[in-house]
Amino acid sequence: MPPPRTLEVSQVFADVEVSTTSFAPMPAFPDPETYRDILDSLQIGVSVLDLQKKIVFWSDGAEQITGYARIDVLGHSSEENILLHCNQIGCEMCAGKCPTATALHQVRPVEAMSFIHHKSGHRTPVHSWAIPLRDKQGSLIGIIQTFEPEFAVAGPDPNDRSMQERGCLDDITGLPNQAMMHSHLREMLGTFAELQIPFGIFCVEVFELSQFRARYGQEAATSMLLVLARTLRNAVWPADFVGRWSESQFLVILSGCAEDAVQSVSQRVFKMLSSATIPWWGEELSVAVSMGRTGALAGDTVESLLQRAQPVLGENQAAPGRALAAGVAHSSGRN
């Protein structure tokens, strides 16, 4: 049996059969670099892998979405987990379950909603397609993958000057501060009392943040908080609220979320936070996190709601890189 064919990047633009039956005649571009420039001009990410899943092309859009430059990924295999994919439950997909592996194995286009581990450490939600790439003879020569951000992040724009001027945002993370989140909670409780629209909250505690800061410095602590904040913002819906409640605690308000869904969503987010890391002088740093959650009940006040979420913080704890395994709830609704 001949050895597997190695795909050179020039073949992507010179040796691939392009169907134009559904389009007007395309102008002839004798220079393959023209096609490369077209892909680089797209706002979505585009990558091309050979049959060994080695990355041979990485577009400008891919750099912007993932934070990884071409020099970081070209020539590397996707199986090296340079880009850690995970599904909505938070499990890594690269061990033979990622869209690229499925498209290669089944020789068909594969669509997926997943999260990519951004170079800075946080998770970025993406909508991706992995499409088998064939030459003019119809032989499979690789995979082309496109991906783009899946949805807008929750909460206000941290660059909103009016929010900053009114003192509504946390200086470090850009998230709504405690005063702003307190206002959102009062509003949600009022709507719940009048219309019975359910909602829930969960609190995330960063353990031993002061010790982390003392050991690695303020810059590392700030980077870690930013990664956790971005992961939280990316992990929930745009209608939800994510804020920094205290120095070591974040608060998330889940709109239209019943009790079982609150448990399911918080469990998924917990796993994502537990695997959040920052690159630091050749190391991958992480922190231990803990979570408490609850749904709104009749007669609740801001204080009673928060009190129910707080006591379990010491119980639902995971060390860096570990996820809570107990208490998973399955819901037919939002998760």
Protein backbone atom coordinates (compact mmCIF):
# COMPACT_ATOMS: atom_id res chain seq x y z
CA MET A 1 0.00 0.00 0.00
CA PRO A 2 1.47 3.41 -0.96
CA PRO A 3 2.18 5.84 1.89
CA PRO A 4 -0.51 8.45 2.70
CA ARG A 5 -0.35 11.42 0.43
CA THR A 6 1.05 14.60 2.00
CA LEU A 7 -0.95 17.70 1.22
CA GLU A 8 1.06 20.79 0.36
CA VAL A 9 -0.63 24.12 0.90
CA SER A 10 -0.16 25.05 -2.76
CA GLN A 11 -2.37 22.10 -3.71
CA VAL A 12 -5.26 23.57 -1.76
CA PHE A 13 -5.52 26.35 -4.31
CA ALA A 14 -4.10 24.69 -7.42
CA ASP A 15 -5.21 21.04 -7.37
CA VAL A 16 -8.71 21.17 -5.92
CA GLU A 17 -11.73 20.69 -8.13
CA VAL A 18 -14.12 23.60 -7.63
CA SER A 19 -17.71 23.16 -8.78
CA THR A 20 -19.25 26.25 -10.38
CA THR A 21 -22.46 24.71 -11.69
CA SER A 22 -24.59 26.84 -9.34
CA PHE A 23 -22.74 30.09 -9.94
CA ALA A 24 -21.92 32.49 -12.71
CA PRO A 25 -18.63 31.79 -14.50
CA MET A 26 -15.71 32.62 -12.23
CA PRO A 27 -12.74 34.65 -13.44
CA ALA A 28 -9.60 32.62 -14.00
CA PHE A 29 -6.99 33.27 -11.31
CA PRO A 30 -3.74 31.78 -12.59
CA ASP A 31 -1.97 32.53 -9.31
CA PRO A 32 -2.99 30.23 -6.41
CA GLU A 33 -1.99 33.05 -4.04
CA THR A 34 -5.11 34.91 -5.20
CA TYR A 35 -7.29 32.21 -3.68
CA ARG A 36 -5.25 32.37 -0.50
CA ASP A 37 -5.82 36.13 -0.34
CA ILE A 38 -9.57 35.60 -0.79
CA LEU A 39 -9.70 33.19 2.17
CA ASP A 40 -7.60 35.54 4.29
CA SER A 41 -10.04 38.37 3.61
CA LEU A 42 -12.96 36.44 5.16
CA GLN A 43 -14.05 37.31 8.68
CA ILE A 44 -14.51 33.62 9.55
CA GLY A 45 -11.68 31.25 10.44
CA VAL A 46 -10.45 28.87 7.73
CA SER A 47 -7.96 26.05 8.22
CA VAL A 48 -6.85 23.17 6.00
CA LEU A 49 -5.55 19.84 7.31
CA ASP A 50 -3.95 16.96 5.44
CA LEU A 51 -4.89 13.30 5.90
CA GLN A 52 -2.66 13.08 8.98
CA LYS A 53 -4.61 16.06 10.40
CA LYS A 54 -1.55 18.28 10.13
CA ILE A 55 -2.46 21.96 9.73
CA VAL A 56 -1.18 23.28 6.38
CA PHE A 57 -3.20 26.51 6.09
CA TRP A 58 -4.38 28.98 8.75
CA SER A 59 -6.24 32.13 7.72
CA ASP A 60 -6.16 35.64 9.15
CA GLY A 61 -9.69 35.07 10.48
CA ALA A 62 -8.54 31.92 12.31
CA GLU A 63 -5.80 33.96 13.99
CA GLN A 64 -8.29 36.61 15.14
CA ILE A 65 -10.84 34.12 16.52
CA THR A 66 -8.43 31.80 18.34
CA GLY A 67 -5.49 34.03 19.24
CA TYR A 68 -3.11 31.52 17.63
CA ALA A 69 -0.80 32.90 14.93
CA ARG A 70 0.21 30.83 11.91
CA ILE A 71 3.61 30.17 13.44
CA ASP A 72 1.87 28.56 16.43
CA VAL A 73 -0.10 25.97 14.45
CA LEU A 74 1.29 25.35 10.96
CA GLY A 75 2.88 21.93 10.73
CA HIS A 76 1.25 20.78 13.98
CA SER A 77 -1.35 18.03 14.20
CA SER A 78 -4.79 18.86 15.52
CA GLU A 79 -4.37 15.80 17.76
CA GLU A 80 -1.71 17.71 19.72
CA ASN A 81 -4.63 19.61 21.26
CA ILE A 82 -3.21 22.99 20.33
CA LEU A 83 -6.85 23.97 19.93
CA LEU A 84 -8.85 22.14 22.59
CA HIS A 85 -12.37 21.56 21.35
CA CYS A 86 -15.14 20.80 23.79
CA ASN A 87 -18.83 20.21 23.37
CA GLN A 88 -21.65 21.86 25.29
CA ILE A 89 -21.02 19.57 28.27
CA GLY A 90 -17.42 20.68 28.56
CA CYS A 91 -15.63 17.43 27.55
CA GLU A 92 -12.66 17.53 25.21
CA MET A 93 -13.54 16.39 21.69
CA CYS A 94 -10.13 16.07 20.07
CA ALA A 95 -9.64 12.39 20.94
CA GLY A 96 -11.28 11.14 17.74
CA LYS A 97 -14.61 12.89 18.27
CA CYS A 98 -13.94 16.36 16.87
CA PRO A 99 -15.66 17.46 13.63
CA THR A 100 -12.41 17.06 11.68
CA ALA A 101 -11.91 13.44 12.73
CA THR A 102 -15.57 12.63 12.01
CA ALA A 103 -15.43 14.25 8.57
CA LEU A 104 -12.28 12.28 7.69
CA HIS A 105 -13.70 8.99 8.96
CA GLN A 106 -17.16 9.31 7.41
CA VAL A 107 -16.05 11.35 4.34
CA ARG A 108 -18.92 13.83 4.67
CA PRO A 109 -19.37 17.43 5.83
CA VAL A 110 -19.83 17.74 9.60
CA GLU A 111 -21.41 20.69 11.40
CA ALA A 112 -20.79 21.31 15.10
CA MET A 113 -21.45 23.79 17.89
CA SER A 114 -18.50 23.71 20.25
CA PHE A 115 -16.00 25.74 22.23
CA ILE A 116 -12.40 26.42 21.23
CA HIS A 117 -9.78 26.99 23.90
CA HIS A 118 -8.50 30.49 23.04
CA LYS A 119 -4.75 31.02 23.34
CA SER A 120 -5.31 33.39 26.26
CA GLY A 121 -7.05 30.58 28.18
CA HIS A 122 -10.78 31.26 27.94
CA ARG A 123 -13.33 29.29 25.94
CA THR A 124 -14.73 30.77 22.72
CA PRO A 125 -18.04 29.39 21.36
CA VAL A 126 -17.87 28.61 17.64
CA HIS A 127 -20.06 27.24 14.87
CA SER A 128 -17.86 25.07 12.68
CA TRP A 129 -17.97 23.03 9.49
CA ALA A 130 -15.45 20.33 8.55
CA ILE A 131 -15.62 19.46 4.85
CA PRO A 132 -13.69 16.71 2.99
CA LEU A 133 -11.31 18.13 0.41
CA ARG A 134 -10.87 16.27 -2.89
CA ASP A 135 -8.57 16.73 -5.85
CA LYS A 136 -9.67 16.80 -9.50
CA GLN A 137 -9.64 13.01 -9.62
CA GLY A 138 -11.99 12.78 -6.67
CA SER A 139 -9.40 11.48 -4.23
CA LEU A 140 -9.61 12.62 -0.63
CA ILE A 141 -6.60 14.82 0.14
CA GLY A 142 -7.56 16.62 3.35
CA ILE A 143 -10.14 18.57 5.33
CA ILE A 144 -11.08 22.22 5.16
CA GLN A 145 -12.55 23.61 8.37
CA THR A 146 -14.40 26.88 8.83
CA PHE A 147 -15.44 28.34 12.17
CA GLU A 148 -16.98 31.55 13.42
CA PRO A 149 -18.12 32.92 16.79
CA GLU A 150 -21.45 31.35 17.69
CA PHE A 151 -23.22 34.13 19.62
CA ALA A 152 -22.70 37.48 21.23
CA VAL A 153 -21.45 37.41 24.81
CA ALA A 154 -23.71 38.23 27.72
CA GLY A 155 -23.78 41.55 29.48
CA PRO A 156 -22.86 45.08 28.50
CA ASP A 157 -20.03 46.04 26.22
CA PRO A 158 -16.99 46.68 28.46
CA ASN A 159 -16.03 49.48 26.08
CA ASP A 160 -19.34 51.28 26.69
CA ARG A 161 -18.10 54.65 27.97
CA SER A 162 -21.46 55.57 29.54
CA MET A 163 -21.39 52.42 31.70
CA GLN A 164 -17.82 53.16 32.73
CA GLU A 165 -18.56 56.79 33.55
CA ARG A 166 -21.49 55.79 35.76
CA GLY A 167 -19.26 53.40 37.71
CA CYS A 168 -21.27 50.32 36.69
CA LEU A 169 -18.35 48.15 35.56
CA ASP A 170 -15.60 46.33 37.40
CA ASP A 171 -12.23 47.92 36.69
CA ILE A 172 -10.36 44.62 36.16
CA THR A 173 -12.78 42.37 34.25
CA GLY A 174 -15.04 44.93 32.59
CA LEU A 175 -18.07 43.01 33.91
CA PRO A 176 -20.95 44.70 35.77
CA ASN A 177 -19.95 45.34 39.35
CA GLN A 178 -21.85 44.40 42.52
CA ALA A 179 -24.06 47.50 42.46
CA MET A 180 -25.11 46.81 38.87
CA MET A 181 -25.77 43.11 39.54
CA HIS A 182 -27.77 44.02 42.66
CA SER A 183 -29.96 46.23 40.47
CA HIS A 184 -30.45 43.39 37.95
CA LEU A 185 -31.44 41.02 40.78
CA ARG A 186 -34.07 43.44 42.11
CA GLU A 187 -35.50 43.85 38.61
CA MET A 188 -35.60 40.09 38.00
CA LEU A 189 -37.31 39.48 41.36
CA GLY A 190 -39.93 42.12 40.54
CA THR A 191 -40.69 40.48 37.19
CA PHE A 192 -40.81 37.07 38.86
CA ALA A 193 -43.29 38.27 41.49
CA GLU A 194 -45.55 39.88 38.90
CA LEU A 195 -45.36 37.46 35.95
CA GLN A 196 -43.82 34.29 37.48
CA ILE A 197 -41.08 34.21 34.83
CA PRO A 198 -38.47 31.89 36.35
CA PHE A 199 -34.81 32.70 36.75
CA GLY A 200 -31.86 31.42 38.73
CA ILE A 201 -28.41 32.41 39.86
CA PHE A 202 -25.09 30.77 40.48
CA CYS A 203 -22.05 32.07 42.31
CA VAL A 204 -18.48 31.15 41.43
CA GLU A 205 -15.83 31.42 44.13
CA VAL A 206 -12.13 31.55 43.17
CA PHE A 207 -10.29 29.79 46.00
CA GLU A 208 -7.07 31.19 47.45
CA LEU A 209 -6.91 34.08 45.01
CA SER A 210 -4.74 36.08 47.41
CA GLN A 211 -2.24 33.18 47.65
CA PHE A 212 -2.21 32.91 43.85
CA ARG A 213 -1.50 36.65 43.61
CA ALA A 214 1.27 36.45 46.22
CA ARG A 215 2.96 33.56 44.42
CA TYR A 216 2.67 34.69 40.78
CA GLY A 217 2.07 38.45 41.03
CA GLN A 218 -0.74 40.88 40.31
CA GLU A 219 -0.42 40.56 36.53
CA ALA A 220 -0.96 36.80 36.65
CA ALA A 221 -3.94 37.20 39.00
CA THR A 222 -5.48 39.80 36.69
CA SER A 223 -4.97 37.53 33.66
CA MET A 224 -6.61 34.63 35.50
CA LEU A 225 -9.63 36.74 36.47
CA LEU A 226 -9.98 37.93 32.88
CA VAL A 227 -9.92 34.35 31.57
CA LEU A 228 -12.59 33.29 34.07
CA ALA A 229 -14.71 36.34 33.22
CA ARG A 230 -14.50 35.73 29.47
CA THR A 231 -15.27 32.04 29.90
CA LEU A 232 -18.38 32.91 31.92
CA ARG A 233 -19.53 35.51 29.42
CA ASN A 234 -19.05 33.11 26.50
CA ALA A 235 -20.71 30.16 28.25
CA VAL A 236 -24.17 31.66 28.85
CA TRP A 237 -26.83 33.26 26.71
CA PRO A 238 -26.79 36.94 25.70
CA ALA A 239 -29.94 37.56 27.79
CA ASP A 240 -28.15 36.41 30.95
CA PHE A 241 -26.16 38.65 33.26
CA VAL A 242 -22.58 37.99 34.35
CA GLY A 243 -20.88 40.20 36.93
CA ARG A 244 -18.09 40.38 39.46
CA TRP A 245 -19.69 40.25 42.89
CA SER A 246 -16.57 40.56 45.06
CA GLU A 247 -12.79 40.28 44.78
CA SER A 248 -12.91 36.50 44.45
CA GLN A 249 -16.50 35.86 43.40
CA PHE A 250 -18.55 36.09 40.21
CA LEU A 251 -22.34 36.10 39.98
CA VAL A 252 -24.41 34.86 37.02
CA ILE A 253 -28.16 35.51 36.57
CA LEU A 254 -29.86 33.03 34.24
CA SER A 255 -32.96 34.57 32.65
CA GLY A 256 -36.04 32.39 32.04
CA CYS A 257 -34.32 29.43 33.68
CA ALA A 258 -36.22 26.92 35.84
CA GLU A 259 -34.59 25.12 38.77
CA ASP A 260 -33.56 21.97 36.87
CA ALA A 261 -32.09 24.02 34.03
CA VAL A 262 -30.15 26.18 36.50
CA GLN A 263 -28.47 23.03 37.80
CA SER A 264 -27.70 21.75 34.30
CA VAL A 265 -26.30 25.05 33.02
CA SER A 266 -24.20 25.69 36.12
CA GLN A 267 -22.77 22.16 35.96
CA ARG A 268 -21.64 22.70 32.36
CA VAL A 269 -20.14 26.09 33.15
CA PHE A 270 -18.41 24.69 36.22
CA LYS A 271 -16.55 22.14 34.11
CA MET A 272 -15.42 24.84 31.70
CA LEU A 273 -14.16 27.07 34.50
CA SER A 274 -12.31 24.17 36.12
CA SER A 275 -10.22 23.70 32.99
CA ALA A 276 -9.49 27.42 32.40
CA THR A 277 -5.76 28.18 32.27
CA ILE A 278 -3.36 30.99 31.47
CA PRO A 279 0.09 30.59 29.89
CA TRP A 280 2.69 31.97 32.30
CA TRP A 281 6.43 31.78 31.70
CA GLY A 282 6.30 28.31 30.25
CA GLU A 283 3.66 27.07 32.69
CA GLU A 284 -0.10 26.59 32.42
CA LEU A 285 -1.60 28.15 35.55
CA SER A 286 -5.08 27.43 36.87
CA VAL A 287 -7.09 28.03 40.03
CA ALA A 288 -9.55 26.02 42.11
CA VAL A 289 -13.17 27.14 41.81
CA SER A 290 -16.36 26.38 43.71
CA MET A 291 -19.98 27.00 42.84
CA GLY A 292 -23.35 27.50 44.51
CA ARG A 293 -26.67 27.74 42.65
CA THR A 294 -30.39 28.25 43.26
CA GLY A 295 -33.62 29.17 41.52
CA ALA A 296 -35.95 32.01 42.50
CA LEU A 297 -38.80 31.14 44.87
CA ALA A 298 -41.99 32.98 45.79
CA GLY A 299 -41.32 35.63 48.40
CA ASP A 300 -37.59 35.78 47.69
CA THR A 301 -35.52 38.89 48.34
CA VAL A 302 -32.06 39.61 47.00
CA GLU A 303 -30.63 38.59 50.36
CA SER A 304 -32.52 35.28 50.62
CA LEU A 305 -31.62 34.35 47.04
CA LEU A 306 -27.94 34.99 47.61
CA GLN A 307 -27.98 33.24 50.97
CA ARG A 308 -29.23 30.00 49.41
CA ALA A 309 -26.45 30.09 46.80
CA GLN A 310 -23.69 30.79 49.31
CA PRO A 311 -23.72 27.82 51.77
CA VAL A 312 -22.83 25.20 49.15
CA LEU A 313 -19.75 27.05 47.95
CA GLY A 314 -17.50 25.10 50.30
CA GLU A 315 -18.98 21.78 49.18
CA ASN A 316 -18.93 22.04 45.40
CA GLN A 317 -15.19 22.50 45.12
CA ALA A 318 -12.75 21.26 42.53
CA ALA A 319 -9.00 21.57 42.36
CA PRO A 320 -7.41 23.18 39.31
CA GLY A 321 -8.12 21.17 36.18
CA ARG A 322 -10.75 18.97 37.89
CA ALA A 323 -14.50 19.15 37.36
CA LEU A 324 -17.31 18.38 39.75
CA ALA A 325 -18.68 14.94 38.92
CA ALA A 326 -21.67 14.73 41.25
CA GLY A 327 -25.11 16.27 41.03
CA VAL A 328 -25.56 16.44 37.26
CA ALA A 329 -29.10 17.35 36.28
CA HIS A 330 -30.61 16.59 32.88
CA SER A 331 -33.20 18.95 31.52
CA SER A 332 -35.35 18.85 28.41
CA GLY A 333 -35.11 22.63 28.24
CA ARG A 334 -32.15 24.92 28.31
CA ASN A 335 -28.75 23.33 29.12
